[in-house]
Protein backbone atom coordinates (compact mmCIF):
# COMPACT_ATOMS: atom_id res chain seq x y z
CA UNK A 1 -51.03 160.15 71.74
CA UNK A 2 -52.38 161.50 68.46
CA UNK A 3 -52.58 158.96 65.66
CA UNK A 4 -52.39 161.62 62.97
CA UNK A 5 -49.75 160.46 60.47
CA UNK A 6 -46.79 162.67 59.80
CA UNK A 7 -46.95 163.87 56.22
CA UNK A 8 -43.73 163.86 54.19
CA UNK A 9 -42.64 167.46 53.98
CA UNK A 10 -40.38 169.70 51.96
CA UNK A 11 -40.18 172.22 54.80
CA UNK A 12 -38.58 172.43 58.21
CA UNK A 13 -39.33 174.29 61.44
CA UNK A 14 -37.06 177.34 61.30
CA UNK A 15 -36.62 177.82 65.10
CA UNK A 16 -34.79 174.46 65.30
CA UNK A 17 -31.82 176.33 63.84
CA UNK A 18 -31.75 178.93 66.61
CA UNK A 19 -28.97 177.16 68.57
CA UNK A 20 -26.89 177.07 65.38
CA UNK A 21 -27.61 180.74 64.73
CA UNK A 22 -26.51 181.57 68.28
CA UNK A 23 -23.29 179.63 67.72
CA UNK A 24 -22.50 181.63 64.59
CA UNK A 25 -23.37 184.94 66.24
CA UNK A 26 -21.04 184.05 69.13
CA UNK A 27 -18.27 183.55 66.57
CA UNK A 28 -18.72 187.11 65.36
CA UNK A 29 -20.61 186.35 62.15
CA UNK A 30 -22.86 189.39 61.49
CA UNK A 31 -26.60 188.94 61.90
CA UNK A 32 -27.10 190.72 58.57
CA UNK A 33 -25.11 188.00 56.80
CA UNK A 34 -27.30 185.29 58.32
CA UNK A 35 -30.48 187.18 57.51
CA UNK A 36 -29.35 187.62 53.90
CA UNK A 37 -29.03 183.85 53.54
CA UNK A 38 -32.62 183.28 54.66
CA UNK A 39 -33.97 186.55 53.31
CA UNK A 40 -35.74 186.85 56.65
CA UNK A 41 -34.91 188.69 59.85
CA UNK A 42 -33.70 186.76 62.86
CA UNK A 43 -36.84 187.97 64.64
CA UNK A 44 -38.97 186.23 62.01
CA UNK A 45 -36.93 183.04 62.36
CA UNK A 46 -37.47 183.10 66.13
CA UNK A 47 -41.24 183.29 65.67
CA UNK A 48 -43.08 180.07 66.61
CA UNK A 49 -44.75 178.03 63.85
CA UNK A 50 -42.43 179.37 61.13
CA UNK A 51 -41.60 176.69 58.56
CA UNK A 52 -39.45 177.34 55.50
CA UNK A 53 -38.43 175.29 52.44
CA UNK A 54 -35.73 172.66 52.82
CA UNK A 55 -33.30 174.30 50.43
CA UNK A 56 -32.92 177.14 52.95
CA UNK A 57 -31.44 174.67 55.43
CA UNK A 58 -28.85 173.68 52.85
CA UNK A 59 -28.11 177.35 52.11
CA UNK A 60 -27.73 178.06 55.81
CA UNK A 61 -25.25 175.25 56.43
CA UNK A 62 -23.23 176.19 53.34
CA UNK A 63 -23.03 179.73 54.69
CA UNK A 64 -22.22 178.47 58.21
CA UNK A 65 -19.30 176.36 57.01
CA UNK A 66 -17.92 179.10 54.79
CA UNK A 67 -18.32 181.93 57.30
CA UNK A 68 -17.00 179.97 60.30
CA UNK A 69 -14.21 178.17 58.46
CA UNK A 70 -15.17 175.03 60.41
CA UNK A 71 -15.58 171.84 58.39
CA UNK A 72 -17.53 170.34 61.32
CA UNK A 73 -19.64 173.39 62.23
CA UNK A 74 -22.80 171.26 62.41
CA UNK A 75 -21.14 169.04 64.98
CA UNK A 76 -19.95 172.03 67.02
CA UNK A 77 -23.22 173.96 66.82
CA UNK A 78 -25.13 170.87 67.90
CA UNK A 79 -23.61 171.14 71.38
CA UNK A 80 -25.97 174.06 72.04
CA UNK A 81 -29.04 172.13 70.88
CA UNK A 82 -30.43 170.56 74.07
CA UNK A 83 -29.36 173.41 76.33
CA UNK A 84 -30.87 176.27 74.31
CA UNK A 85 -33.66 174.86 72.13
CA UNK A 86 -37.04 174.82 73.83
CA UNK A 87 -40.19 173.59 72.15
CA UNK A 88 -43.02 171.19 72.87
CA UNK A 89 -41.09 168.20 71.56
CA UNK A 90 -38.07 168.70 73.85
CA UNK A 91 -40.41 169.20 76.82
CA UNK A 92 -42.38 166.08 75.94
CA UNK A 93 -39.17 164.09 75.57
CA UNK A 94 -38.09 165.18 79.05
CA UNK A 95 -41.37 164.34 80.82
CA UNK A 96 -42.01 160.97 79.12
CA UNK A 97 -41.77 158.22 81.78
CA UNK A 98 -39.47 155.91 79.77
CA UNK A 99 -36.95 156.12 76.98
CA UNK A 100 -39.36 154.07 74.87
CA UNK A 101 -42.19 156.56 75.24
CA UNK A 102 -39.83 159.53 74.73
CA UNK A 103 -38.52 158.04 71.48
CA UNK A 104 -42.04 157.14 70.35
CA UNK A 105 -43.14 160.74 70.79
CA UNK A 106 -39.98 161.86 69.02
CA UNK A 107 -40.69 159.65 66.00
CA UNK A 108 -44.28 160.90 65.79
CA UNK A 109 -43.50 164.62 65.84
CA UNK A 110 -39.97 164.87 64.43
CA UNK A 111 -41.10 165.24 60.78
CA UNK A 112 -42.95 168.44 61.70
CA UNK A 113 -39.68 169.94 62.89
CA UNK A 114 -37.34 168.43 60.29
CA UNK A 115 -38.86 167.73 56.90
CA UNK A 116 -35.77 166.09 55.48
CA UNK A 117 -35.46 163.23 57.99
CA UNK A 118 -37.82 160.57 59.33
CA UNK A 119 -37.28 158.95 62.72
CA UNK A 120 -38.22 155.32 63.42
CA UNK A 121 -37.67 152.89 66.27
CA UNK A 122 -36.24 149.53 65.29
CA UNK A 123 -36.26 146.45 67.54
CA UNK A 124 -34.57 143.28 66.28
CA UNK A 125 -33.58 140.29 68.44
CA UNK A 126 -33.74 142.32 71.63
CA UNK A 127 -31.63 145.17 70.20
CA UNK A 128 -33.07 148.68 69.99
CA UNK A 129 -32.14 151.52 67.68
CA UNK A 130 -33.41 154.96 66.72
CA UNK A 131 -33.05 155.28 62.94
CA UNK A 132 -33.02 158.54 60.98
CA UNK A 133 -33.61 158.15 57.23
CA UNK A 134 -33.90 160.67 54.44
CA UNK A 135 -37.44 161.52 53.31
CA UNK A 136 -37.34 165.03 51.91
CA UNK A 137 -37.22 166.34 48.38
CA UNK A 138 -33.58 167.16 49.13
CA UNK A 139 -31.10 165.31 51.30
CA UNK A 140 -30.55 166.93 54.66
CA UNK A 141 -26.82 167.47 54.06
CA UNK A 142 -23.89 166.45 56.24
CA UNK A 143 -23.81 169.54 58.48
CA UNK A 144 -27.54 169.45 59.18
CA UNK A 145 -27.44 165.72 59.84
CA UNK A 146 -24.55 166.04 62.29
CA UNK A 147 -26.26 168.95 64.05
CA UNK A 148 -29.37 166.83 64.47
CA UNK A 149 -27.48 163.77 65.72
CA UNK A 150 -25.60 165.76 68.37
CA UNK A 151 -28.88 167.26 69.54
CA UNK A 152 -30.58 163.87 69.85
CA UNK A 153 -27.62 162.43 71.74
CA UNK A 154 -27.86 165.34 74.17
CA UNK A 155 -31.58 164.77 74.71
CA UNK A 156 -31.06 161.06 75.37
CA UNK A 157 -28.23 161.59 77.87
CA UNK A 158 -29.95 164.49 79.60
CA UNK A 159 -33.00 162.34 80.21
CA UNK A 160 -31.01 159.65 81.98
CA UNK A 161 -28.93 162.08 84.00
CA UNK A 162 -32.10 163.84 85.18
CA UNK A 163 -33.31 160.45 86.40
CA UNK A 164 -30.12 159.85 88.36
CA UNK A 165 -28.88 157.10 86.06
CA UNK A 166 -25.22 157.41 85.17
CA UNK A 167 -25.24 154.75 82.44
CA UNK A 168 -24.94 155.99 78.86
CA UNK A 169 -28.03 155.06 76.80
CA UNK A 170 -26.00 155.10 73.57
CA UNK A 171 -24.07 151.95 72.67
CA UNK A 172 -22.80 152.99 69.25
CA UNK A 173 -23.72 155.16 66.27
CA UNK A 174 -23.72 154.42 62.54
CA UNK A 175 -23.31 157.43 60.23
CA UNK A 176 -23.65 157.88 56.45
CA UNK A 177 -20.75 159.08 54.35
CA UNK A 178 -17.03 158.47 54.45
CA UNK A 179 -15.04 158.60 57.65
CA UNK A 180 -13.85 162.20 58.12
CA UNK A 181 -10.22 163.20 58.28
CA UNK A 182 -10.66 164.10 61.98
CA UNK A 183 -12.65 161.19 63.45
CA UNK A 184 -11.39 162.08 66.93
CA UNK A 185 -13.50 165.26 66.91
CA UNK A 186 -16.58 163.17 66.19
CA UNK A 187 -15.73 160.62 68.86
CA UNK A 188 -15.16 163.36 71.44
CA UNK A 189 -18.42 165.15 70.59
CA UNK A 190 -20.70 162.14 70.16
CA UNK A 191 -18.96 160.11 72.91
CA UNK A 192 -19.86 156.74 71.41
CA UNK A 193 -18.18 154.16 69.15
CA UNK A 194 -18.73 155.22 65.54
CA UNK A 195 -18.89 153.48 62.18
CA UNK A 196 -19.31 155.03 58.74
CA UNK A 197 -20.85 154.41 55.32
CA UNK A 198 -24.23 153.44 56.72
CA UNK A 199 -27.34 154.00 54.60
CA UNK A 200 -29.07 155.78 57.53
CA UNK A 201 -28.16 157.33 60.85
CA UNK A 202 -28.57 154.57 63.43
CA UNK A 203 -28.33 155.25 67.16
CA UNK A 204 -28.08 151.94 69.01
CA UNK A 205 -29.65 152.20 72.48
CA UNK A 206 -29.04 150.14 75.62
CA UNK A 207 -32.02 147.72 75.61
CA UNK A 208 -32.01 147.30 79.40
CA UNK A 209 -32.70 151.05 79.75
CA UNK A 210 -35.30 151.30 77.02
CA UNK A 211 -38.35 150.52 79.15
CA UNK A 212 -36.80 151.32 82.52
CA UNK A 213 -38.90 153.92 84.45
CA UNK A 214 -37.02 157.22 84.31
CA UNK A 215 -39.56 159.91 85.23
CA UNK A 216 -42.70 159.80 87.36
CA UNK A 217 -45.68 159.22 85.09
CA UNK A 218 -47.65 162.44 84.57
CA UNK A 219 -50.41 161.68 82.11
CA UNK A 220 -51.97 165.12 82.51
CA UNK A 221 -48.75 166.94 81.61
CA UNK A 222 -48.03 164.55 78.74
CA UNK A 223 -51.53 165.05 77.39
CA UNK A 224 -51.22 168.81 77.59
CA UNK A 225 -47.90 168.78 75.67
CA UNK A 226 -49.27 166.39 73.05
CA UNK A 227 -52.24 168.73 72.65
CA UNK A 228 -49.95 171.72 72.17
CA UNK A 229 -47.91 169.89 69.53
CA UNK A 230 -51.02 168.75 67.68
CA UNK A 231 -52.38 172.28 67.87
CA UNK A 232 -49.12 173.69 66.50
CA UNK A 233 -49.22 171.25 63.58
CA UNK A 234 -52.82 172.12 62.79
CA UNK A 235 -52.27 175.87 63.11
CA UNK A 236 -49.17 175.94 60.91
CA UNK A 237 -50.32 177.22 57.56
CA UNK A 238 -48.29 176.89 54.40
CA UNK A 239 -47.37 180.07 52.56
CA UNK A 240 -47.20 180.57 48.82
CA UNK A 241 -43.42 180.20 49.19
CA UNK A 242 -43.90 176.74 50.73
CA UNK A 243 -46.41 175.79 48.06
CA UNK A 244 -44.09 176.92 45.28
CA UNK A 245 -41.19 174.95 46.77
CA UNK A 246 -43.40 171.86 47.11
CA UNK A 247 -44.62 172.21 43.54
CA UNK A 248 -41.09 172.58 42.18
CA UNK A 249 -39.86 169.56 44.14
CA UNK A 250 -42.71 167.45 42.80
CA UNK A 251 -42.76 168.68 39.20
CA UNK A 252 -39.05 169.29 38.62
CA UNK A 253 -38.60 166.52 35.99
CA UNK A 254 -41.47 168.07 34.00
CA UNK A 255 -39.91 171.53 34.20
CA UNK A 256 -42.06 172.96 37.04
CA UNK A 257 -42.99 176.03 35.00
CA UNK A 258 -44.24 179.17 36.70
CA UNK A 259 -47.22 179.30 34.35
CA UNK A 260 -48.34 175.81 35.36
CA UNK A 261 -47.89 176.62 39.05
CA UNK A 262 -50.04 179.73 38.74
CA UNK A 263 -52.74 177.87 36.81
CA UNK A 264 -52.96 175.20 39.51
CA UNK A 265 -53.17 177.86 42.23
CA UNK A 266 -55.73 179.87 40.23
CA UNK A 267 -53.51 182.93 40.42
CA UNK A 268 -52.37 185.35 37.77
CA UNK A 269 -48.62 185.30 37.21
CA UNK A 270 -48.42 188.93 38.31
CA UNK A 271 -50.21 188.23 41.61
CA UNK A 272 -48.13 185.13 42.35
CA UNK A 273 -44.87 186.92 41.53
CA UNK A 274 -45.80 189.83 43.81
CA UNK A 275 -46.72 187.52 46.71
CA UNK A 276 -43.54 185.46 46.36
CA UNK A 277 -41.42 188.60 46.20
CA UNK A 278 -43.04 189.82 49.43
CA UNK A 279 -41.55 186.67 51.01
CA UNK A 280 -38.13 187.43 49.55
CA UNK A 281 -38.02 185.21 46.48
CA UNK A 282 -38.67 185.11 42.76
CA UNK A 283 -40.01 181.86 41.34
CA UNK A 284 -36.99 181.55 39.03
CA UNK A 285 -34.71 181.72 42.10
CA UNK A 286 -36.67 178.98 43.86
CA UNK A 287 -36.40 176.78 40.78
CA UNK A 288 -32.66 177.46 40.51
CA UNK A 289 -32.02 176.68 44.19
CA UNK A 290 -33.99 173.42 44.04
CA UNK A 291 -32.14 172.35 40.90
CA UNK A 292 -28.79 173.20 42.42
CA UNK A 293 -29.12 171.09 45.54
CA UNK A 294 -30.97 168.31 43.77
CA UNK A 295 -28.13 168.14 41.23
CA UNK A 296 -25.54 167.82 44.00
CA UNK A 297 -27.59 165.05 45.65
CA UNK A 298 -28.00 163.10 42.42
CA UNK A 299 -24.35 163.42 41.44
CA UNK A 300 -23.21 162.21 44.85
CA UNK A 301 -25.84 159.67 45.82
CA UNK A 302 -27.01 158.10 42.55
CA UNK A 303 -25.51 156.17 39.67
CA UNK A 304 -27.62 158.05 37.12
CA UNK A 305 -25.84 159.24 34.00
CA UNK A 306 -25.46 162.97 33.39
CA UNK A 307 -28.15 162.73 30.71
CA UNK A 308 -30.53 161.09 33.19
CA UNK A 309 -29.77 163.73 35.83
CA UNK A 310 -30.43 166.41 33.22
CA UNK A 311 -33.90 164.93 32.73
CA UNK A 312 -34.53 164.68 36.50
CA UNK A 313 -33.75 168.39 36.83
CA UNK A 314 -36.09 169.38 34.03
CA UNK A 315 -33.46 170.76 31.67
CA UNK A 316 -33.97 170.42 27.95
CA UNK A 317 -30.40 169.36 27.24
CA UNK A 318 -27.10 168.53 28.94
CA UNK A 319 -25.53 171.77 27.77
CA UNK A 320 -28.09 173.81 29.71
CA UNK A 321 -27.45 171.74 32.84
CA UNK A 322 -23.68 172.08 32.45
CA UNK A 323 -23.93 175.86 32.11
CA UNK A 324 -26.06 176.09 35.25
CA UNK A 325 -23.74 173.79 37.20
CA UNK A 326 -20.73 175.86 36.17
CA UNK A 327 -22.48 178.94 37.53
CA UNK A 328 -23.23 177.15 40.84
CA UNK A 329 -19.96 175.33 41.44
CA UNK A 330 -17.39 176.72 39.02
CA UNK A 331 -16.85 173.37 37.31
CA UNK A 332 -18.65 170.83 35.15
CA UNK A 333 -20.98 168.22 36.68
CA UNK A 334 -18.74 165.44 35.36
CA UNK A 335 -15.60 166.95 36.89
CA UNK A 336 -17.39 167.50 40.18
CA UNK A 337 -18.53 163.86 40.31
CA UNK A 338 -15.00 162.68 39.49
CA UNK A 339 -13.62 164.71 42.40
CA UNK A 340 -15.83 162.94 44.96
CA UNK A 341 -14.13 160.45 47.34
CA UNK A 342 -14.45 156.87 46.15
């Protein structure tokens, strides 16, 4: 297997959302509405090797929840994940001879597909778990996280069923956040004992199945799939949109000015603006979107004061931040934080 380290990323592989897009289309949500959220056609999103900034995932799941009226749309859309999503990683997971090797491959290549989460295997005192932790410039968001968890559960169970083993590989699941008002829906979908308020997503696996032979070893096929995944990673080229989103995520506390971005890229502001607009975005919009979702993350996940959050977002004063937050959410940042469950 390739030893190339997975770089932390502020982008995700757009085709991983295709099962979720199909779910929304089946519910009668117009394709034009979905395309407007991404500012890309569905054909473009279906194109292999397309990666887009993380904030677009958050925009998509906001739109999905609003348009579907389903508070657990990520959970519901995730049911389509293993049955409809096909890429080198799902194939490699299926052909790996053991659950251990399948999960090892998954951990190695998952960041390429999902820039907001990192996957790691954890073994302690004979217990085994697959752990998903946040790594992106923005948090993945509840809907995206639930969509991902349902998809992984499906991959794990499908692998054992294909090997003729009826035992469930999942012992229990720990999830971040507060227990939802409808925990039964989660229990029915995930089909495992659940606990809440964890710092990471933790999928506890049956240790006796972890190294049990499940598929006939096929080193040639594994090698070919690993090669395809490595080739895809190497051939995926960042666009100016990706580079601008990365720059903003990194330089946000310092203001992430367009002028500084252009100077670092050795581009005139006119050229950079034209190239970004050809990809559907103005730089000011990218900055606003990054600030919006970063603000929500900091208000919910941190104990920083509003003044400290203002600095983290690169605003000159709290009044400017409050005006922007009112435009985004229709309330003040302080009132929004007070409304969060305690």
